[in-house]
N, C-alpha and C. Protein backbone atom coordinates (compact mmCIF):
# COMPACT_ATOMS: atom_id res chain seq x y z
N ASN A 1 17.30 -30.26 -52.38
CA ASN A 1 17.79 -31.50 -51.70
C ASN A 1 17.25 -32.72 -51.93
N ASP A 2 15.89 -32.73 -52.70
CA ASP A 2 15.45 -34.12 -53.18
C ASP A 2 16.21 -35.23 -53.39
N GLY A 3 17.38 -34.81 -54.26
CA GLY A 3 18.38 -35.80 -54.59
C GLY A 3 18.86 -36.45 -53.61
N ARG A 4 19.28 -35.67 -52.75
CA ARG A 4 20.00 -36.17 -51.27
C ARG A 4 19.13 -37.27 -50.47
N LEU A 5 17.74 -37.07 -50.80
CA LEU A 5 16.71 -37.94 -50.08
C LEU A 5 16.77 -39.05 -50.86
N ASP A 6 16.62 -39.05 -52.18
CA ASP A 6 16.61 -40.39 -52.93
C ASP A 6 17.96 -41.16 -52.45
N GLU A 7 19.11 -40.38 -52.28
CA GLU A 7 20.25 -41.16 -52.34
C GLU A 7 20.22 -41.78 -50.77
N TYR A 8 19.74 -41.44 -49.75
CA TYR A 8 19.50 -41.71 -48.76
C TYR A 8 18.46 -42.76 -48.90
N GLU A 9 17.29 -42.99 -49.26
CA GLU A 9 16.53 -43.88 -49.90
C GLU A 9 17.52 -45.16 -50.06
N HIS A 10 18.54 -45.15 -51.05
CA HIS A 10 18.96 -46.32 -51.77
C HIS A 10 19.90 -46.82 -50.78
N GLU A 11 20.73 -45.71 -50.04
CA GLU A 11 21.58 -46.66 -48.71
C GLU A 11 20.87 -47.33 -48.03
N ILE A 12 19.55 -46.81 -47.61
CA ILE A 12 18.86 -47.55 -46.45
C ILE A 12 18.30 -49.08 -47.06
N ASP A 13 17.79 -48.84 -48.37
CA ASP A 13 17.58 -50.16 -49.15
C ASP A 13 18.79 -51.03 -49.21
N ALA A 14 20.02 -50.54 -49.44
CA ALA A 14 21.06 -51.83 -49.73
C ALA A 14 21.71 -52.14 -48.29
N ALA A 15 21.21 -51.32 -47.22
CA ALA A 15 21.75 -51.61 -46.00
C ALA A 15 20.73 -53.03 -45.60
N ALA A 16 19.57 -52.62 -45.69
CA ALA A 16 18.21 -53.64 -45.52
C ALA A 16 18.46 -55.04 -46.21
N VAL A 17 18.69 -54.74 -47.49
CA VAL A 17 19.21 -56.00 -48.13
C VAL A 17 20.40 -56.64 -47.51
N ARG A 18 21.58 -56.17 -47.38
CA ARG A 18 22.75 -56.72 -46.81
C ARG A 18 22.31 -57.33 -45.49
N LEU A 19 21.58 -56.66 -44.61
CA LEU A 19 21.27 -57.21 -43.64
C LEU A 19 20.55 -58.77 -43.73
N LEU A 20 19.38 -58.37 -44.39
CA LEU A 20 18.56 -59.55 -44.82
C LEU A 20 19.72 -60.88 -45.43
N ALA A 21 20.16 -60.58 -46.31
CA ALA A 21 20.86 -61.74 -46.62
C ALA A 21 21.94 -61.90 -45.81
N LEU A 22 22.81 -61.24 -45.33
CA LEU A 22 23.78 -61.80 -44.34
C LEU A 22 23.44 -62.36 -42.87
N ARG A 23 22.35 -62.00 -42.22
CA ARG A 23 21.89 -61.97 -40.87
C ARG A 23 20.63 -62.94 -40.81
N SER A 24 19.87 -62.89 -41.93
CA SER A 24 18.43 -63.48 -41.63
C SER A 24 17.81 -63.23 -40.62
N PRO A 25 17.48 -62.00 -40.23
CA PRO A 25 16.59 -61.51 -38.77
C PRO A 25 15.38 -62.42 -39.19
N VAL A 26 15.00 -62.47 -37.83
CA VAL A 26 13.72 -63.30 -37.55
C VAL A 26 12.87 -62.34 -36.36
N ALA A 27 11.55 -62.56 -36.18
CA ALA A 27 10.82 -61.69 -35.25
C ALA A 27 11.01 -60.45 -35.34
N ALA A 28 11.21 -59.69 -34.28
CA ALA A 28 11.13 -58.32 -34.00
C ALA A 28 12.32 -57.75 -34.81
N ASP A 29 13.58 -58.40 -35.13
CA ASP A 29 14.50 -57.98 -36.04
C ASP A 29 13.77 -57.93 -37.33
N LEU A 30 13.32 -58.68 -37.85
CA LEU A 30 12.69 -58.64 -39.57
C LEU A 30 11.79 -57.48 -39.11
N ARG A 31 10.78 -57.48 -38.28
CA ARG A 31 9.88 -56.55 -38.24
C ARG A 31 10.34 -55.28 -38.41
N GLU A 32 11.61 -55.00 -37.43
CA GLU A 32 12.30 -53.51 -37.64
C GLU A 32 12.92 -53.21 -39.15
N THR A 33 13.51 -54.20 -39.60
CA THR A 33 14.31 -54.36 -40.92
C THR A 33 12.95 -53.72 -41.83
N VAL A 34 11.93 -54.50 -41.87
CA VAL A 34 11.20 -54.34 -43.06
C VAL A 34 10.27 -53.06 -42.66
N SER A 35 9.93 -52.74 -41.65
CA SER A 35 9.38 -51.44 -41.61
C SER A 35 10.31 -50.28 -41.80
N THR A 36 11.48 -50.39 -41.57
CA THR A 36 12.47 -49.33 -41.73
C THR A 36 12.59 -48.97 -43.35
N LEU A 37 12.44 -49.97 -44.08
CA LEU A 37 12.22 -49.86 -45.70
C LEU A 37 10.88 -48.97 -45.77
N LYS A 38 9.92 -49.38 -45.34
CA LYS A 38 8.53 -48.76 -45.69
C LYS A 38 8.80 -47.31 -45.27
N ILE A 39 9.13 -46.93 -44.08
CA ILE A 39 9.69 -45.38 -43.61
C ILE A 39 10.37 -44.58 -44.69
N SER A 40 11.39 -45.42 -45.01
CA SER A 40 12.42 -44.58 -45.88
C SER A 40 11.44 -44.37 -47.21
N VAL A 41 10.89 -45.17 -47.80
CA VAL A 41 9.68 -45.00 -48.74
C VAL A 41 9.01 -43.75 -48.73
N ASP A 42 8.45 -43.90 -47.54
CA ASP A 42 7.36 -42.94 -47.13
C ASP A 42 8.26 -41.18 -47.14
N LEU A 43 9.44 -41.27 -46.52
CA LEU A 43 10.20 -40.12 -46.28
C LEU A 43 10.52 -39.58 -47.65
N GLU A 44 11.15 -40.56 -48.54
CA GLU A 44 11.38 -40.13 -50.15
C GLU A 44 10.22 -39.53 -50.67
N ARG A 45 8.95 -40.07 -50.69
CA ARG A 45 7.52 -39.53 -51.10
C ARG A 45 7.42 -38.00 -50.54
N ILE A 46 7.78 -37.79 -49.19
CA ILE A 46 7.43 -36.73 -48.71
C ILE A 46 8.43 -35.71 -49.47
N GLY A 47 9.57 -35.89 -49.55
CA GLY A 47 10.59 -35.13 -50.22
C GLY A 47 10.03 -34.53 -51.76
N ASP A 48 9.41 -36.10 -52.23
CA ASP A 48 8.86 -35.65 -53.65
C ASP A 48 7.90 -34.39 -53.66
N TYR A 49 7.23 -34.73 -52.67
CA TYR A 49 5.84 -33.81 -52.60
C TYR A 49 6.37 -32.17 -51.84
N ALA A 50 7.48 -32.32 -51.20
CA ALA A 50 8.05 -31.04 -50.94
C ALA A 50 8.34 -30.43 -52.01
N ALA A 51 9.18 -30.92 -52.83
CA ALA A 51 9.94 -30.37 -53.83
C ALA A 51 8.67 -29.95 -55.09
N ASN A 52 7.44 -30.44 -55.00
CA ASN A 52 6.66 -29.74 -56.16
C ASN A 52 6.11 -29.11 -55.30
N VAL A 53 5.90 -28.61 -54.22
CA VAL A 53 5.31 -27.58 -53.65
C VAL A 53 6.10 -26.61 -53.99
N ALA A 54 7.35 -26.75 -53.97
CA ALA A 54 8.60 -25.69 -53.97
C ALA A 54 8.30 -25.13 -55.57
N LYS A 55 8.23 -26.04 -56.58
CA LYS A 55 7.93 -25.56 -58.08
C LYS A 55 6.81 -24.75 -58.22
N ARG A 56 5.66 -25.11 -57.30
CA ARG A 56 4.43 -24.41 -57.56
C ARG A 56 4.72 -23.14 -56.86
N VAL A 57 5.29 -22.82 -56.02
CA VAL A 57 5.63 -21.44 -55.36
C VAL A 57 6.33 -20.43 -56.39
N SER A 58 7.11 -21.01 -57.09
CA SER A 58 7.67 -19.91 -58.12
C SER A 58 6.78 -19.78 -59.05
N ALA A 59 6.01 -20.92 -59.84
CA ALA A 59 4.90 -20.49 -60.54
C ALA A 59 4.04 -19.40 -60.02
N ILE A 60 3.72 -19.57 -58.84
CA ILE A 60 2.34 -18.71 -58.13
C ILE A 60 2.84 -17.14 -58.30
N VAL A 61 4.12 -16.88 -57.96
CA VAL A 61 4.82 -15.73 -58.22
C VAL A 61 4.83 -15.14 -59.48
N GLN A 62 4.66 -15.55 -60.40
CA GLN A 62 4.43 -15.23 -61.55
C GLN A 62 3.42 -14.79 -62.03
N ALA A 63 2.23 -15.57 -61.47
CA ALA A 63 0.78 -15.38 -61.91
C ALA A 63 -0.07 -13.99 -61.31
N PRO A 64 -0.91 -13.62 -61.74
CA PRO A 64 -1.49 -12.36 -61.50
C PRO A 64 -2.09 -12.70 -60.03
N PRO A 65 -1.74 -11.48 -59.01
CA PRO A 65 -2.16 -11.68 -57.65
C PRO A 65 -3.58 -12.15 -57.22
N MET A 66 -3.86 -12.47 -56.42
CA MET A 66 -5.40 -12.91 -55.87
C MET A 66 -5.47 -12.85 -54.55
N ARG A 67 -6.35 -13.23 -54.07
CA ARG A 67 -6.79 -12.92 -52.80
C ARG A 67 -5.90 -14.15 -51.95
N PRO A 68 -5.25 -14.34 -50.78
CA PRO A 68 -4.50 -15.26 -50.12
C PRO A 68 -5.29 -16.47 -49.84
N VAL A 69 -4.85 -17.96 -49.78
CA VAL A 69 -5.62 -18.87 -49.09
C VAL A 69 -4.70 -19.02 -47.73
N HIS A 70 -5.34 -18.64 -46.61
CA HIS A 70 -4.93 -18.76 -45.53
C HIS A 70 -4.51 -20.22 -44.75
N GLY A 71 -5.35 -21.18 -45.39
CA GLY A 71 -5.47 -22.43 -45.06
C GLY A 71 -3.82 -23.26 -45.38
N ILE A 72 -3.42 -22.82 -46.31
CA ILE A 72 -2.36 -23.70 -46.75
C ILE A 72 -1.05 -23.41 -45.85
N PRO A 73 -0.88 -22.39 -45.47
CA PRO A 73 0.27 -22.13 -44.34
C PRO A 73 0.16 -22.77 -43.10
N LEU A 74 -1.45 -22.75 -42.88
CA LEU A 74 -1.54 -23.65 -41.71
C LEU A 74 -1.70 -25.23 -41.81
N MET A 75 -1.86 -25.60 -42.61
CA MET A 75 -1.83 -27.06 -43.39
C MET A 75 0.03 -27.37 -43.21
N GLY A 76 0.26 -26.57 -43.63
CA GLY A 76 1.76 -26.82 -43.68
C GLY A 76 2.43 -27.17 -42.47
N ARG A 77 1.90 -26.28 -41.37
CA ARG A 77 2.36 -26.31 -40.10
C ARG A 77 2.09 -27.36 -39.38
N LEU A 78 0.87 -27.88 -39.65
CA LEU A 78 0.26 -29.05 -39.10
C LEU A 78 0.76 -30.17 -39.44
N VAL A 79 1.31 -30.20 -40.69
CA VAL A 79 1.80 -31.53 -41.45
C VAL A 79 3.39 -31.21 -40.93
N ARG A 80 3.95 -30.38 -41.03
CA ARG A 80 5.53 -30.41 -40.47
C ARG A 80 5.40 -31.03 -39.14
N GLU A 81 4.62 -30.29 -37.81
CA GLU A 81 4.61 -30.85 -36.82
C GLU A 81 3.80 -32.29 -36.77
N ALA A 82 3.52 -32.76 -37.64
CA ALA A 82 3.07 -34.30 -37.47
C ALA A 82 4.47 -35.24 -38.11
N ILE A 83 5.18 -34.48 -38.84
CA ILE A 83 6.71 -35.23 -39.46
C ILE A 83 7.34 -35.45 -38.28
N SER A 84 7.86 -33.94 -37.41
CA SER A 84 8.71 -33.82 -36.48
C SER A 84 8.15 -34.97 -35.61
N ASP A 85 6.96 -34.98 -35.02
CA ASP A 85 6.24 -35.98 -33.75
C ASP A 85 6.09 -37.31 -34.30
N VAL A 86 6.10 -37.67 -35.59
CA VAL A 86 6.40 -39.19 -35.87
C VAL A 86 7.57 -39.64 -36.11
N MET A 87 8.57 -38.77 -36.42
CA MET A 87 9.91 -39.09 -36.27
C MET A 87 10.67 -39.30 -35.06
N TYR A 88 10.03 -38.24 -34.05
CA TYR A 88 10.31 -38.87 -32.53
C TYR A 88 9.73 -39.76 -32.24
N ALA A 89 8.44 -40.26 -32.78
CA ALA A 89 7.67 -41.39 -32.31
C ALA A 89 8.74 -42.71 -32.72
N TYR A 90 9.39 -42.73 -33.83
CA TYR A 90 10.05 -43.72 -34.46
C TYR A 90 11.23 -43.76 -33.67
N ALA A 91 12.29 -42.82 -33.20
CA ALA A 91 13.15 -43.03 -32.71
C ALA A 91 13.10 -43.54 -31.35
N GLU A 92 12.14 -43.09 -30.60
CA GLU A 92 11.75 -43.27 -29.08
C GLU A 92 10.83 -44.48 -29.16
N ARG A 93 10.52 -44.95 -30.03
CA ARG A 93 9.13 -46.47 -30.22
C ARG A 93 7.94 -45.69 -29.29
N ASP A 94 7.54 -44.78 -29.57
CA ASP A 94 6.71 -43.94 -28.32
C ASP A 94 5.24 -44.19 -29.56
N VAL A 95 4.52 -45.14 -28.90
CA VAL A 95 3.43 -45.43 -29.32
C VAL A 95 2.41 -44.52 -29.53
N GLU A 96 2.08 -43.87 -28.32
CA GLU A 96 1.38 -42.77 -27.94
C GLU A 96 1.49 -41.39 -28.94
N LYS A 97 2.54 -41.15 -28.91
CA LYS A 97 3.06 -40.00 -29.98
C LYS A 97 2.70 -40.47 -31.27
N ALA A 98 2.57 -41.70 -31.81
CA ALA A 98 2.67 -42.04 -33.32
C ALA A 98 1.12 -42.10 -33.41
N LEU A 99 0.24 -42.81 -32.54
CA LEU A 99 -1.26 -42.62 -32.63
C LEU A 99 -1.77 -41.22 -32.51
N GLN A 100 -1.19 -40.14 -31.92
CA GLN A 100 -1.56 -38.80 -31.90
C GLN A 100 -1.47 -38.30 -33.31
N VAL A 101 -0.46 -38.38 -34.07
CA VAL A 101 -0.18 -38.08 -35.44
C VAL A 101 -0.87 -38.82 -36.16
N TRP A 102 -1.53 -40.07 -36.10
CA TRP A 102 -2.36 -40.59 -36.77
C TRP A 102 -3.83 -39.96 -36.92
N LYS A 103 -4.22 -39.78 -35.86
CA LYS A 103 -5.62 -39.26 -35.40
C LYS A 103 -5.80 -37.70 -35.76
N ARG A 104 -4.42 -37.00 -35.81
CA ARG A 104 -4.45 -35.57 -36.48
C ARG A 104 -4.57 -35.41 -38.11
N ASP A 105 -4.65 -36.47 -38.71
CA ASP A 105 -4.43 -36.52 -40.18
C ASP A 105 -6.08 -36.00 -40.66
N GLU A 106 -7.19 -36.21 -39.84
CA GLU A 106 -8.42 -35.73 -40.44
C GLU A 106 -8.41 -34.38 -40.55
N GLU A 107 -7.99 -33.45 -39.19
CA GLU A 107 -7.78 -32.06 -39.24
C GLU A 107 -7.04 -31.56 -40.49
N VAL A 108 -6.02 -32.32 -40.94
CA VAL A 108 -5.34 -31.83 -42.16
C VAL A 108 -6.34 -32.10 -43.52
N ASP A 109 -6.86 -32.98 -43.39
CA ASP A 109 -8.10 -33.31 -44.50
C ASP A 109 -9.12 -32.54 -44.55
N ASP A 110 -9.58 -32.02 -43.56
CA ASP A 110 -10.64 -31.14 -43.40
C ASP A 110 -10.29 -29.46 -43.63
N LEU A 111 -8.93 -29.34 -43.25
CA LEU A 111 -8.67 -28.02 -43.94
C LEU A 111 -8.27 -28.13 -45.67
N TYR A 112 -7.59 -28.97 -46.13
CA TYR A 112 -7.79 -29.50 -47.61
C TYR A 112 -8.99 -29.18 -48.26
N ASN A 113 -10.26 -29.90 -47.76
CA ASN A 113 -11.63 -29.70 -48.17
C ASN A 113 -11.69 -28.50 -48.40
N GLY A 114 -11.44 -27.49 -47.23
CA GLY A 114 -11.59 -26.21 -47.01
C GLY A 114 -11.09 -25.38 -48.22
N ILE A 115 -9.73 -25.87 -48.51
CA ILE A 115 -9.08 -24.69 -49.23
C ILE A 115 -9.56 -25.35 -51.02
N PHE A 116 -9.80 -26.37 -50.79
CA PHE A 116 -10.62 -26.84 -52.15
C PHE A 116 -11.59 -25.93 -52.74
N ARG A 117 -12.76 -25.98 -51.53
CA ARG A 117 -13.86 -25.23 -51.81
C ARG A 117 -13.46 -23.84 -52.00
N GLU A 118 -12.29 -23.35 -51.27
CA GLU A 118 -12.48 -21.86 -51.41
C GLU A 118 -11.76 -21.76 -52.70
N THR A 119 -10.67 -22.31 -53.48
CA THR A 119 -10.06 -21.73 -54.33
C THR A 119 -10.65 -22.11 -55.91
N LEU A 120 -11.70 -23.15 -55.74
CA LEU A 120 -12.88 -23.11 -56.49
C LEU A 120 -13.67 -21.86 -56.65
N THR A 121 -14.18 -21.41 -55.86
CA THR A 121 -14.85 -20.21 -55.58
C THR A 121 -14.16 -19.13 -56.26
N TYR A 122 -12.79 -18.98 -55.87
CA TYR A 122 -11.88 -17.83 -56.51
C TYR A 122 -12.01 -18.22 -58.23
N MET A 123 -11.82 -19.40 -58.51
CA MET A 123 -12.02 -19.46 -60.21
C MET A 123 -13.15 -18.98 -60.79
N MET A 124 -14.12 -19.67 -59.96
CA MET A 124 -15.59 -18.89 -60.69
C MET A 124 -15.94 -17.45 -60.90
N GLU A 125 -15.48 -17.03 -59.55
CA GLU A 125 -15.72 -15.59 -59.31
C GLU A 125 -14.79 -14.88 -60.68
N ASP A 126 -13.58 -15.51 -61.11
CA ASP A 126 -12.68 -14.55 -61.95
C ASP A 126 -11.82 -15.29 -62.58
N ALA A 127 -12.05 -15.47 -64.04
CA ALA A 127 -11.13 -16.38 -64.68
C ALA A 127 -9.85 -16.33 -64.85
N ARG A 128 -9.52 -14.98 -64.02
CA ARG A 128 -7.83 -14.60 -64.40
C ARG A 128 -7.22 -15.39 -63.02
N ASN A 129 -8.09 -15.71 -61.96
CA ASN A 129 -7.56 -16.57 -60.67
C ASN A 129 -7.46 -18.30 -60.87
N ILE A 130 -7.74 -18.50 -62.37
CA ILE A 130 -7.83 -19.95 -62.64
C ILE A 130 -6.08 -20.23 -62.31
N THR A 131 -5.54 -19.55 -63.02
CA THR A 131 -4.13 -20.46 -62.94
C THR A 131 -3.20 -20.69 -61.50
N ALA A 132 -3.55 -19.30 -61.01
CA ALA A 132 -3.16 -19.25 -59.61
C ALA A 132 -3.56 -20.43 -58.50
N SER A 133 -4.98 -20.28 -58.76
CA SER A 133 -5.75 -21.19 -57.98
C SER A 133 -5.58 -22.85 -58.29
N THR A 134 -5.39 -23.09 -59.26
CA THR A 134 -4.71 -24.25 -59.56
C THR A 134 -3.45 -24.55 -59.25
N HIS A 135 -2.46 -23.94 -59.16
CA HIS A 135 -1.03 -24.19 -58.57
C HIS A 135 -1.51 -23.99 -57.05
N LEU A 136 -2.56 -23.27 -56.46
CA LEU A 136 -2.65 -23.44 -55.22
C LEU A 136 -3.40 -24.82 -54.52
N LEU A 137 -4.23 -25.15 -55.50
CA LEU A 137 -4.93 -26.58 -55.45
C LEU A 137 -3.97 -27.48 -55.23
N PHE A 138 -3.18 -27.81 -56.26
CA PHE A 138 -1.88 -28.78 -56.10
C PHE A 138 -0.98 -28.84 -54.94
N MET A 139 -0.64 -27.54 -54.61
CA MET A 139 0.08 -27.40 -53.25
C MET A 139 -0.25 -27.94 -52.20
N ALA A 140 -1.68 -27.58 -52.16
CA ALA A 140 -2.46 -27.93 -50.72
C ALA A 140 -2.65 -29.45 -51.11
N LYS A 141 -2.85 -30.16 -52.22
CA LYS A 141 -2.88 -31.61 -52.39
C LYS A 141 -1.54 -31.98 -51.91
N ASN A 142 -0.51 -31.42 -52.42
CA ASN A 142 0.72 -32.16 -51.85
C ASN A 142 0.90 -32.21 -50.72
N ILE A 143 0.64 -31.24 -49.89
CA ILE A 143 0.59 -30.93 -48.41
C ILE A 143 -0.05 -32.04 -47.92
N GLU A 144 -1.42 -32.21 -48.22
CA GLU A 144 -2.18 -33.24 -47.68
C GLU A 144 -1.63 -34.65 -47.76
N ARG A 145 -0.99 -35.17 -48.89
CA ARG A 145 -0.42 -36.19 -49.15
C ARG A 145 1.10 -36.47 -48.02
N ILE A 146 1.64 -35.46 -48.32
CA ILE A 146 2.89 -35.19 -46.69
C ILE A 146 2.30 -35.91 -45.59
N GLY A 147 0.93 -35.35 -45.24
CA GLY A 147 0.47 -35.52 -43.97
C GLY A 147 0.05 -37.07 -44.04
N ASP A 148 -0.43 -37.69 -45.11
CA ASP A 148 -1.07 -38.99 -45.52
C ASP A 148 0.48 -39.77 -44.92
N HIS A 149 1.47 -39.74 -45.57
CA HIS A 149 2.59 -40.29 -45.34
C HIS A 149 3.39 -40.09 -44.02
N ALA A 150 3.23 -39.10 -43.60
CA ALA A 150 3.20 -39.03 -42.07
C ALA A 150 2.45 -39.99 -41.18
N THR A 151 1.13 -40.16 -41.27
CA THR A 151 0.18 -41.19 -40.87
C THR A 151 0.77 -42.58 -41.26
N ASN A 152 0.98 -42.82 -42.62
CA ASN A 152 1.79 -44.02 -42.75
C ASN A 152 2.97 -44.77 -41.90
N ILE A 153 3.69 -43.38 -41.57
CA ILE A 153 4.99 -43.70 -40.69
C ILE A 153 4.40 -44.05 -39.26
N ALA A 154 3.33 -43.37 -38.79
CA ALA A 154 2.75 -43.53 -37.31
C ALA A 154 2.16 -44.85 -37.59
N GLU A 155 1.70 -45.52 -38.30
CA GLU A 155 0.96 -46.77 -38.30
C GLU A 155 2.40 -47.61 -38.36
N THR A 156 3.40 -47.61 -39.17
CA THR A 156 4.50 -48.42 -39.06
C THR A 156 5.20 -48.28 -37.65
N VAL A 157 5.26 -47.30 -37.21
CA VAL A 157 5.62 -47.25 -35.87
C VAL A 157 4.77 -48.00 -35.13
N PHE A 158 3.49 -47.80 -34.94
CA PHE A 158 2.50 -48.61 -34.08
C PHE A 158 2.95 -50.05 -34.20
N TYR A 159 3.23 -50.67 -35.71
CA TYR A 159 3.52 -51.95 -35.98
C TYR A 159 4.75 -52.40 -35.29
N ILE A 160 6.01 -51.61 -35.26
CA ILE A 160 7.20 -52.14 -34.94
C ILE A 160 7.05 -52.33 -33.68
N ALA A 161 6.44 -51.20 -32.58
CA ALA A 161 6.29 -51.39 -31.34
C ALA A 161 5.36 -52.47 -30.69
N GLU A 162 4.31 -52.96 -31.27
CA GLU A 162 3.13 -53.59 -30.88
C GLU A 162 3.33 -54.91 -31.67
N GLY A 163 4.03 -55.03 -32.78
CA GLY A 163 4.08 -56.26 -33.42
C GLY A 163 2.62 -56.70 -34.18
N ARG A 164 1.75 -55.69 -34.38
CA ARG A 164 0.71 -56.07 -34.92
C ARG A 164 0.28 -54.68 -35.71
N MET A 165 -1.00 -54.72 -36.73
CA MET A 165 -1.19 -53.47 -37.43
C MET A 165 -2.40 -52.84 -36.56
N LEU A 166 -2.37 -51.48 -36.87
CA LEU A 166 -3.56 -50.68 -36.34
C LEU A 166 -4.59 -51.63 -36.35
N ALA A 167 -5.86 -51.55 -35.52
CA ALA A 167 -7.06 -52.49 -36.02
C ALA A 167 -8.23 -51.38 -36.38
N ASP A 168 -7.84 -50.25 -36.08
CA ASP A 168 -8.91 -49.38 -36.47
C ASP A 168 -8.64 -48.55 -37.99
N ASP A 169 -9.94 -48.10 -38.63
CA ASP A 169 -9.72 -47.85 -39.79
C ASP A 169 -9.16 -46.30 -39.78
N ARG A 170 -8.44 -46.12 -40.69
CA ARG A 170 -7.63 -44.65 -40.62
C ARG A 170 -8.56 -43.32 -40.47
N PRO A 171 -8.40 -42.53 -39.68
CA PRO A 171 -9.55 -41.36 -40.02
C PRO A 171 -9.26 -40.60 -40.88
N LYS A 172 -10.16 -40.29 -41.86
CA LYS A 172 -10.19 -39.75 -43.17
C LYS A 172 -11.15 -38.97 -43.41
N SER A 173 -10.92 -37.50 -43.93
CA SER A 173 -12.18 -37.07 -44.16
C SER A 173 -12.23 -36.19 -45.45
N ASP A 174 -11.18 -36.54 -46.45
CA ASP A 174 -10.83 -35.83 -47.82
C ASP A 174 -11.81 -36.29 -48.65
N ARG A 175 -12.80 -35.32 -49.02
CA ARG A 175 -14.07 -35.93 -49.66
C ARG A 175 -13.91 -35.06 -51.32
N THR A 176 -12.89 -34.49 -51.49
CA THR A 176 -12.47 -34.01 -52.90
C THR A 176 -12.22 -34.80 -54.04
N SER A 177 -12.00 -36.03 -53.50
CA SER A 177 -12.18 -37.07 -54.61
C SER A 177 -13.31 -37.42 -55.47
N PHE A 178 -14.41 -37.17 -54.99
CA PHE A 178 -15.57 -37.52 -55.19
C PHE A 178 -16.20 -36.00 -56.08
N ALA A 179 -16.74 -36.20 -56.78
CA ALA A 179 -17.55 -34.89 -57.93
C ALA A 179 -18.08 -33.88 -56.91
N LEU A 180 -17.79 -32.78 -56.99
CA LEU A 180 -18.68 -31.66 -56.45
C LEU A 180 -19.51 -30.84 -57.66
N VAL A 181 -20.70 -30.88 -57.05
CA VAL A 181 -21.65 -30.49 -58.16
C VAL A 181 -22.05 -28.89 -57.38
N ASP A 182 -21.94 -27.80 -58.01
CA ASP A 182 -22.35 -26.61 -57.81
C ASP A 182 -23.54 -26.11 -58.16
N ALA A 183 -24.70 -26.29 -57.40
CA ALA A 183 -26.01 -26.02 -57.84
C ALA A 183 -26.46 -24.88 -58.40
N ASP A 184 -25.90 -23.61 -58.24
CA ASP A 184 -25.75 -22.55 -59.01
C ASP A 184 -25.51 -22.54 -60.12
N VAL A 185 -24.35 -23.14 -60.62
CA VAL A 185 -23.78 -23.08 -61.86
C VAL A 185 -23.90 -24.43 -62.51
N GLY A 186 -24.42 -25.71 -61.86
CA GLY A 186 -24.52 -26.70 -62.57
C GLY A 186 -23.67 -27.35 -63.13
N ASN A 187 -22.44 -26.90 -62.66
CA ASN A 187 -20.97 -27.69 -62.70
C ASN A 187 -20.34 -29.10 -61.98
N THR A 188 -19.72 -29.62 -62.61
CA THR A 188 -19.14 -30.81 -61.79
C THR A 188 -17.91 -30.65 -61.82
N ASP A 189 -16.98 -30.52 -60.84
CA ASP A 189 -15.94 -30.20 -60.41
C ASP A 189 -15.24 -31.26 -59.67
N GLN A 190 -14.00 -31.86 -60.21
CA GLN A 190 -13.19 -32.82 -59.62
C GLN A 190 -11.83 -32.35 -59.18
N ALA A 191 -11.59 -33.14 -58.16
CA ALA A 191 -10.06 -32.59 -57.40
C ALA A 191 -9.43 -32.62 -58.50
N PRO A 192 -7.82 -32.03 -58.04
CA PRO A 192 -6.76 -32.46 -59.24
C PRO A 192 -6.22 -33.41 -58.81
N ASP A 193 -5.94 -34.36 -59.77
CA ASP A 193 -4.98 -35.75 -59.92
C ASP A 193 -3.96 -35.49 -58.86
N ASP A 194 -3.55 -36.63 -58.01
CA ASP A 194 -2.49 -36.42 -57.21
C ASP A 194 -1.00 -36.34 -58.09
N GLU A 195 -0.56 -35.66 -57.92
CA GLU A 195 0.86 -35.43 -58.83
C GLU A 195 2.04 -35.15 -57.60
N ALA A 196 2.77 -36.22 -58.29
CA ALA A 196 4.20 -36.42 -57.39
C ALA A 196 5.12 -37.39 -58.53
N GLY A 197 6.28 -36.80 -58.12
CA GLY A 197 7.48 -37.65 -58.75
C GLY A 197 8.30 -36.97 -59.67
């Protein structure tokens, strides 16, 4: 269904351009129009990441079995709830609900950090786990990025409702972008690159 999301994004873009050209909105109307464009981009990217997770699932099925990584389904549930909550916040202009989603992003990041460490351990224990673990890492990273886009939408909802950007720094605890050094092995490992599109 990723193609349908792309079509919806194009329809929203076209409607917004028509609105800007024909009505020349100002103040709150302009803020609403521009914010809706931003949200449609975030939703389209969420679809891309979800499609990438689906591709990885079919690849994992073909890999040798390994111990399950229990954090991925939990992270998926948290992110799914965040998307549901933030879309409710958008529809109802509920700033409090949007802020709750914004604050919960750190929990998703913490889960991702744990999954990252766990899957690297599996790879070091047995080289046969490398393929499946790599797919799991990409899945986890894609889910974490979906959470980031839900957080983007929460910030946009705040902007629509309040007419100003959030003053606080975004809560963030994903530390996997930095090199991790395993003292026992002396290896430096990097997080997988962001994969979408």
